[in-house]
Protein backbone atom coordinates (compact mmCIF):
# COMPACT_ATOMS: atom_id res chain seq x y z
CA MET A 1 -25.26 -40.29 38.92
CA THR A 2 -23.90 -36.76 39.04
CA GLU A 3 -25.55 -36.16 42.43
CA LYS A 4 -23.59 -38.99 44.03
CA ARG A 5 -20.56 -37.76 45.94
CA LEU A 6 -18.33 -39.27 48.61
CA ILE A 7 -18.97 -36.29 50.91
CA ASN A 8 -21.26 -33.27 50.70
CA ALA A 9 -23.94 -34.82 48.47
CA ASP A 10 -27.02 -32.64 48.17
CA VAL A 11 -29.40 -35.37 49.33
CA VAL A 12 -28.72 -38.19 51.78
CA ASP A 13 -31.87 -40.13 52.55
CA VAL A 14 -32.49 -43.73 51.50
CA ASN A 15 -29.46 -45.90 50.78
CA GLN A 16 -30.02 -45.76 46.99
CA LEU A 17 -27.34 -48.09 45.69
CA MET A 18 -28.39 -48.27 42.05
CA PRO A 19 -27.01 -47.12 39.76
CA LEU A 20 -23.58 -47.72 41.27
CA LYS A 21 -21.03 -44.96 40.83
CA TYR A 22 -18.14 -46.10 43.04
CA HIS A 23 -17.71 -49.70 41.96
CA TRP A 24 -14.59 -50.08 44.11
CA ALA A 25 -16.68 -49.55 47.25
CA TRP A 26 -19.13 -52.27 46.20
CA GLU A 27 -16.25 -54.66 45.45
CA HIS A 28 -14.82 -54.09 48.94
CA TYR A 29 -18.27 -54.82 50.38
CA LEU A 30 -18.50 -58.07 48.40
CA ASN A 31 -14.99 -59.08 49.49
CA GLY A 32 -16.01 -58.59 53.10
CA ASN A 33 -19.06 -60.79 52.66
CA ARG A 34 -17.02 -63.52 50.99
CA ASN A 35 -14.67 -63.62 53.95
CA HIS A 36 -17.18 -63.94 56.75
CA TRP A 37 -16.01 -65.91 59.78
CA GLN A 38 -16.82 -66.47 63.44
CA PRO A 39 -14.30 -66.93 66.29
CA GLN A 40 -15.95 -70.10 67.61
CA GLU A 41 -15.17 -71.83 64.32
CA VAL A 42 -11.50 -71.93 65.35
CA PRO A 43 -10.51 -74.72 67.78
CA MET A 44 -8.46 -73.53 70.76
CA GLY A 45 -7.60 -76.86 72.42
CA ARG A 46 -3.91 -76.87 71.42
CA ASP A 47 -3.51 -73.24 72.47
CA VAL A 48 -4.99 -73.97 75.89
CA ALA A 49 -2.62 -76.91 76.37
CA THR A 50 0.40 -74.83 75.33
CA TRP A 51 -0.59 -71.87 77.50
CA LYS A 52 -1.23 -73.96 80.60
CA GLY A 53 1.56 -76.46 80.02
CA GLY A 54 4.51 -74.18 80.67
CA ASP A 55 5.79 -74.41 77.08
CA LEU A 56 5.98 -70.63 76.66
CA SER A 57 8.72 -68.49 78.12
CA PRO A 58 7.82 -65.36 80.14
CA ALA A 59 9.00 -63.23 77.20
CA GLU A 60 6.73 -65.13 74.80
CA ARG A 61 3.77 -64.81 77.14
CA ARG A 62 4.43 -61.07 77.38
CA VAL A 63 4.21 -60.68 73.60
CA ILE A 64 0.91 -62.56 73.47
CA LEU A 65 -0.64 -60.68 76.38
CA ARG A 66 0.49 -57.26 75.14
CA ASN A 67 -1.02 -57.88 71.71
CA LEU A 68 -4.27 -59.22 73.11
CA GLY A 69 -4.42 -56.11 75.29
CA PHE A 70 -3.86 -53.74 72.38
CA PHE A 71 -6.11 -55.37 69.81
CA SER A 72 -8.98 -56.08 72.23
CA THR A 73 -9.80 -52.38 72.57
CA ALA A 74 -8.28 -50.95 69.36
CA GLU A 75 -10.87 -52.79 67.29
CA SER A 76 -13.67 -51.15 69.26
CA LEU A 77 -12.08 -47.72 68.76
CA VAL A 78 -12.21 -48.28 65.01
CA ALA A 79 -15.86 -49.36 65.26
CA ASN A 80 -16.74 -46.30 67.35
CA ASN A 81 -15.11 -44.02 64.80
CA ILE A 82 -17.08 -45.61 61.96
CA VAL A 83 -20.42 -45.32 63.75
CA LEU A 84 -19.94 -41.97 65.49
CA ALA A 85 -17.82 -40.07 62.97
CA ILE A 86 -17.26 -41.52 59.49
CA PHE A 87 -20.75 -42.79 58.68
CA ARG A 88 -22.24 -39.41 59.54
CA HIS A 89 -20.19 -37.56 56.93
CA VAL A 90 -19.78 -40.08 54.09
CA THR A 91 -22.76 -39.37 51.85
CA ASN A 92 -22.36 -42.12 49.24
CA PRO A 93 -24.64 -45.19 49.53
CA GLU A 94 -22.06 -47.69 48.23
CA CYS A 95 -19.52 -46.52 50.78
CA ARG A 96 -22.08 -46.52 53.55
CA GLN A 97 -22.96 -50.10 52.64
CA TYR A 98 -19.32 -51.04 53.08
CA LEU A 99 -19.06 -49.12 56.37
CA LEU A 100 -21.97 -51.14 57.74
CA ARG A 101 -20.11 -54.33 56.85
CA GLN A 102 -16.86 -53.04 58.35
CA ALA A 103 -18.54 -52.06 61.61
CA PHE A 104 -19.86 -55.61 61.90
CA GLU A 105 -16.39 -57.03 61.22
CA GLU A 106 -14.93 -54.85 63.99
CA ALA A 107 -17.49 -56.37 66.34
CA ILE A 108 -16.39 -59.85 65.24
CA HIS A 109 -12.76 -58.94 65.95
CA THR A 110 -13.61 -57.69 69.45
CA HIS A 111 -15.61 -60.90 69.98
CA CYS A 112 -12.53 -62.84 68.85
CA PHE A 113 -10.40 -61.44 71.67
CA HIS A 114 -13.13 -62.16 74.20
CA TYR A 115 -13.16 -65.75 72.89
CA ILE A 116 -9.37 -66.06 73.21
CA VAL A 117 -9.37 -64.63 76.75
CA GLU A 118 -12.15 -67.00 77.81
CA SER A 119 -10.51 -70.02 76.15
CA LEU A 120 -7.13 -69.45 77.81
CA GLY A 121 -8.67 -68.58 81.17
CA LEU A 122 -7.03 -65.15 81.24
CA ASP A 123 -8.01 -62.24 83.45
CA GLY A 124 -10.40 -60.39 81.14
CA GLU A 125 -10.24 -57.19 83.15
CA GLU A 126 -6.45 -57.15 82.88
CA ILE A 127 -6.53 -57.65 79.10
CA PHE A 128 -9.34 -55.24 78.33
CA THR A 129 -7.92 -52.44 80.53
CA MET A 130 -4.36 -52.51 79.20
CA HIS A 131 -5.24 -49.45 77.13
CA ARG A 132 -5.21 -47.55 80.44
CA GLU A 133 -2.45 -49.40 82.27
CA VAL A 134 0.24 -49.86 79.57
CA ASN A 135 1.71 -46.58 78.36
CA THR A 136 2.68 -47.78 74.89
CA ILE A 137 -0.87 -49.00 74.25
CA ALA A 138 -2.43 -45.87 75.75
CA GLY A 139 -0.26 -43.67 73.53
CA LYS A 140 -1.50 -45.32 70.35
CA ASP A 141 -5.14 -45.27 71.42
CA GLU A 142 -5.06 -41.64 72.54
CA PHE A 143 -3.46 -40.65 69.22
CA ASP A 144 -6.52 -41.82 67.30
CA MET A 145 -9.24 -41.09 69.85
CA ALA A 146 -8.44 -37.38 69.56
CA LEU A 147 -9.33 -37.56 65.86
CA THR A 148 -12.77 -38.99 66.65
CA ALA A 149 -13.41 -36.28 69.25
CA GLU A 150 -12.72 -33.54 66.70
CA LEU A 151 -15.45 -34.85 64.38
CA MET A 152 -18.05 -35.34 67.12
CA ASP A 153 -18.48 -31.62 67.70
CA SER A 154 -22.12 -30.83 66.86
CA ASP A 155 -21.01 -27.93 64.65
CA PHE A 156 -18.53 -29.96 62.63
CA ASN A 157 -19.21 -30.44 58.92
CA THR A 158 -17.28 -31.12 55.74
CA GLN A 159 -18.74 -28.27 53.72
CA THR A 160 -15.70 -26.05 54.25
CA VAL A 161 -12.18 -26.81 53.06
CA GLU A 162 -11.02 -26.89 56.66
CA GLY A 163 -13.78 -29.32 57.65
CA ALA A 164 -13.06 -31.62 54.73
CA GLN A 165 -9.37 -31.56 55.65
CA LYS A 166 -10.19 -32.58 59.23
CA PHE A 167 -12.25 -35.43 57.85
CA VAL A 168 -9.38 -36.60 55.64
CA GLU A 169 -7.09 -36.45 58.68
CA ASN A 170 -9.51 -38.69 60.56
CA LEU A 171 -9.58 -41.19 57.70
CA VAL A 172 -5.79 -41.25 57.50
CA GLY A 173 -5.59 -41.64 61.28
CA PHE A 174 -7.82 -44.69 61.38
CA TYR A 175 -7.34 -46.42 58.03
CA VAL A 176 -3.71 -45.62 57.22
CA ILE A 177 -2.31 -45.36 60.76
CA MET A 178 -4.44 -47.46 63.13
CA GLU A 179 -5.36 -50.27 60.74
CA GLY A 180 -2.43 -49.86 58.34
CA ILE A 181 0.49 -49.30 60.73
CA PHE A 182 -0.46 -49.86 64.39
CA PHE A 183 -1.93 -53.30 63.66
CA TYR A 184 0.83 -54.68 61.47
CA SER A 185 3.69 -55.22 63.92
CA GLY A 186 1.20 -57.08 66.13
CA PHE A 187 0.27 -59.26 63.17
CA ALA A 188 3.93 -60.06 62.58
CA MET A 189 4.51 -60.94 66.24
CA MET A 190 1.49 -63.19 66.56
CA LEU A 191 1.95 -64.89 63.20
CA SER A 192 5.53 -65.69 64.22
CA PHE A 193 4.08 -68.18 66.73
CA HIS A 194 1.80 -69.59 64.06
CA ARG A 195 4.74 -70.11 61.68
CA GLN A 196 6.33 -72.34 64.31
CA ASN A 197 3.08 -74.31 64.72
CA ARG A 198 2.50 -72.85 68.18
CA MET A 199 -0.62 -71.06 69.44
CA THR A 200 -2.23 -72.04 66.16
CA GLY A 201 -5.79 -71.13 67.16
CA ILE A 202 -4.80 -67.57 67.97
CA GLY A 203 -2.64 -67.51 64.87
CA GLN A 204 -5.50 -68.61 62.64
CA GLN A 205 -7.75 -65.90 64.03
CA PHE A 206 -5.05 -63.28 63.51
CA GLN A 207 -4.76 -64.41 59.90
CA TYR A 208 -8.49 -63.94 59.46
CA ILE A 209 -8.28 -60.49 61.04
CA LEU A 210 -5.32 -59.61 58.83
CA ARG A 211 -7.37 -60.47 55.76
CA ASP A 212 -10.24 -58.31 56.97
CA GLU A 213 -7.90 -55.44 57.80
CA SER A 214 -6.39 -55.60 54.34
CA THR A 215 -9.81 -54.85 52.87
CA HIS A 216 -10.40 -52.10 55.44
CA LEU A 217 -7.09 -50.51 54.50
CA ASN A 218 -7.78 -50.71 50.79
CA PHE A 219 -11.26 -49.23 51.18
CA GLY A 220 -9.93 -46.41 53.35
CA ILE A 221 -7.20 -45.52 50.88
CA ASP A 222 -9.68 -45.55 47.99
CA LEU A 223 -12.01 -43.32 50.04
CA ILE A 224 -9.23 -40.87 50.93
CA ASN A 225 -7.96 -40.66 47.37
CA GLY A 226 -11.51 -40.34 46.04
CA ILE A 227 -12.37 -37.45 48.37
CA VAL A 228 -9.17 -35.66 47.39
CA ALA A 229 -9.92 -36.18 43.69
CA GLU A 230 -13.42 -34.74 44.08
CA ASN A 231 -12.26 -31.91 46.35
CA PRO A 232 -8.80 -30.92 45.07
CA ARG A 233 -8.74 -27.72 47.15
CA VAL A 234 -8.43 -29.93 50.22
CA TRP A 235 -5.02 -31.32 49.22
CA THR A 236 -2.92 -28.33 50.25
CA PRO A 237 0.81 -28.40 51.07
CA GLU A 238 -0.16 -27.71 54.68
CA LEU A 239 -2.45 -30.74 54.87
CA ARG A 240 0.15 -32.97 53.23
CA ALA A 241 2.73 -31.79 55.76
CA ARG A 242 0.36 -32.50 58.67
CA LEU A 243 -0.42 -35.99 57.38
CA SER A 244 3.25 -36.81 56.89
CA ALA A 245 3.98 -35.58 60.42
CA LYS A 246 1.15 -37.71 61.83
CA ILE A 247 2.49 -40.80 60.11
CA GLU A 248 6.00 -40.08 61.39
CA ARG A 249 4.61 -39.72 64.91
CA ALA A 250 2.71 -42.98 64.48
CA VAL A 251 5.94 -44.73 63.48
CA GLU A 252 7.58 -43.50 66.69
CA LEU A 253 4.65 -44.76 68.78
CA GLU A 254 4.69 -48.15 67.07
CA ILE A 255 8.44 -48.58 67.51
CA ALA A 256 8.02 -47.80 71.22
CA TYR A 257 5.25 -50.41 71.38
CA ALA A 258 7.49 -53.02 69.74
CA GLU A 259 10.29 -52.23 72.21
CA ASP A 260 7.82 -52.68 75.07
CA CYS A 261 6.58 -56.02 73.70
CA LEU A 262 10.10 -57.26 72.95
CA PRO A 263 12.58 -56.05 75.57
CA HIS A 264 14.42 -59.29 74.78
CA GLY A 265 14.48 -61.14 71.47
CA ILE A 266 12.21 -64.13 70.91
CA LEU A 267 11.20 -66.24 67.90
CA GLY A 268 13.98 -64.63 65.86
CA LEU A 269 12.40 -61.23 66.51
CA ASN A 270 13.75 -58.15 68.24
CA ALA A 271 12.83 -54.48 68.55
CA GLY A 272 15.45 -53.44 66.00
CA LEU A 273 13.85 -55.56 63.31
CA PHE A 274 10.50 -54.00 64.07
CA ARG A 275 11.95 -50.53 63.64
CA ASP A 276 12.77 -51.46 60.04
CA TYR A 277 9.44 -53.19 59.53
CA VAL A 278 7.31 -50.33 60.80
CA GLN A 279 9.27 -47.84 58.71
CA HIS A 280 8.94 -50.11 55.67
CA ILE A 281 5.16 -50.38 55.88
CA ALA A 282 4.86 -46.65 56.66
CA ASP A 283 6.58 -45.90 53.35
CA ARG A 284 4.12 -48.15 51.55
CA ARG A 285 1.19 -46.28 53.14
CA LEU A 286 2.68 -42.89 52.28
CA GLU A 287 3.05 -43.95 48.65
CA ARG A 288 -0.55 -45.04 48.36
CA ILE A 289 -1.98 -41.69 49.45
CA GLY A 290 0.39 -39.72 47.26
CA LEU A 291 2.90 -38.58 49.88
CA PRO A 292 6.69 -38.91 49.58
CA VAL A 293 8.30 -41.89 51.26
CA ARG A 294 10.30 -41.10 54.36
CA TYR A 295 12.44 -44.02 55.47
CA GLY A 296 13.70 -46.35 52.75
CA SER A 297 13.95 -49.22 55.23
CA PRO A 298 13.99 -52.84 54.03
CA ASN A 299 11.36 -55.41 54.94
CA PRO A 300 13.04 -57.61 57.57
CA PHE A 301 10.18 -60.11 57.51
CA PRO A 302 9.88 -61.35 53.92
CA TRP A 303 7.75 -64.21 55.15
CA MET A 304 4.99 -61.71 55.94
CA SER A 305 4.56 -61.31 52.19
CA GLU A 306 3.16 -64.82 52.18
CA ALA A 307 0.24 -63.46 54.19
CA ILE A 308 -0.04 -60.11 52.44
CA ASP A 309 1.97 -58.56 49.63
CA LEU A 310 2.64 -55.07 50.98
CA LYS A 311 3.42 -53.69 47.53
CA LYS A 312 0.28 -55.07 45.94
CA GLU A 313 -2.30 -54.95 48.68
CA LYS A 314 -5.21 -54.82 46.24
CA ASN A 315 -4.23 -58.34 45.10
CA PHE A 316 -4.37 -59.67 48.64
CA PHE A 317 -7.28 -62.00 48.02
CA GLU A 318 -5.37 -63.76 45.25
CA THR A 319 -2.90 -65.15 47.79
CA THR A 320 -3.15 -68.39 49.71
CA VAL A 321 -2.56 -68.38 53.46
CA THR A 322 -5.29 -70.05 55.50
CA GLU A 323 -8.47 -71.12 53.79
CA TYR A 324 -11.81 -70.06 55.15
CA GLN A 325 -14.98 -69.26 53.30
CA SER A 326 -18.64 -68.68 53.82
CA SER A 327 -19.71 -70.12 50.47
CA ALA A 328 -18.39 -71.74 47.32
CA ALA A 329 -17.90 -68.23 45.92
CA LEU A 330 -14.41 -68.11 47.41
CA SER A 331 -11.40 -69.43 45.56
CA TRP A 332 -7.83 -69.02 46.81
CA ASP A 333 -6.07 -70.31 43.68
């Protein structure tokens, strides 16, 4: 198994899984398979009645629409990065197997937002073009799209220290920032409706997506830490400083997004609480890739720990939130 490497393996041809070297990658793949779901499995009748019945305030509708607008295209950006950038440079079969599963899950998530838009009778063009029309969404998307563009240069490779560092930056940008920070305030906003037994169809789908994203985040962190362990020359003070700065910038963008979604408080939420929340989860992400914490902010939404324990994300599948399963292999006890 000495020829197996996360990047820069000598030979990359058939997807030769056996013998496994990176068992963590295979476990993430199995977790993804155990948690398969389809949007149409979730009934939307109550959501349609609530949306069309005038039971939501304009501020509540704004939160829902903004988050549908962000997630509807952000998921496809993650999928594009997997297919066009990451898969090309990850040379380990176990990891590539997981990336194939993740790319499929991103397609399911994009399908989910199409299903919600259709069910509620929303203007699909308005929702799916918010990434161009709403500045706080555009800022987040542009932040990560630039990282994909850097890796798509035909001359790019990970053979040099500088190239490997760029690749690590891409992984941090998409797994730690996009999926690990940019998505989480949206999860908290949308699950706030679900906690009050409102918009339960959307809430259930966001719970399913949150579970998938937890595995994506854990895989990405394992991949980043594994590449650094195999290529210690990559982990320079300069790279660590750049990554910390990127995460700090991401926190600023996410706080601005929360302020845009919540100009007025609803559901016991306000932009100030999200400032603490985003800073709190950013510290957790920094810790997990070996960078010093920055903020020391408390978690203002302890109820979110019922959906995912931010301090023990690898134990996420031991928790009980909403039960769904593709076979009897799943147990939520």
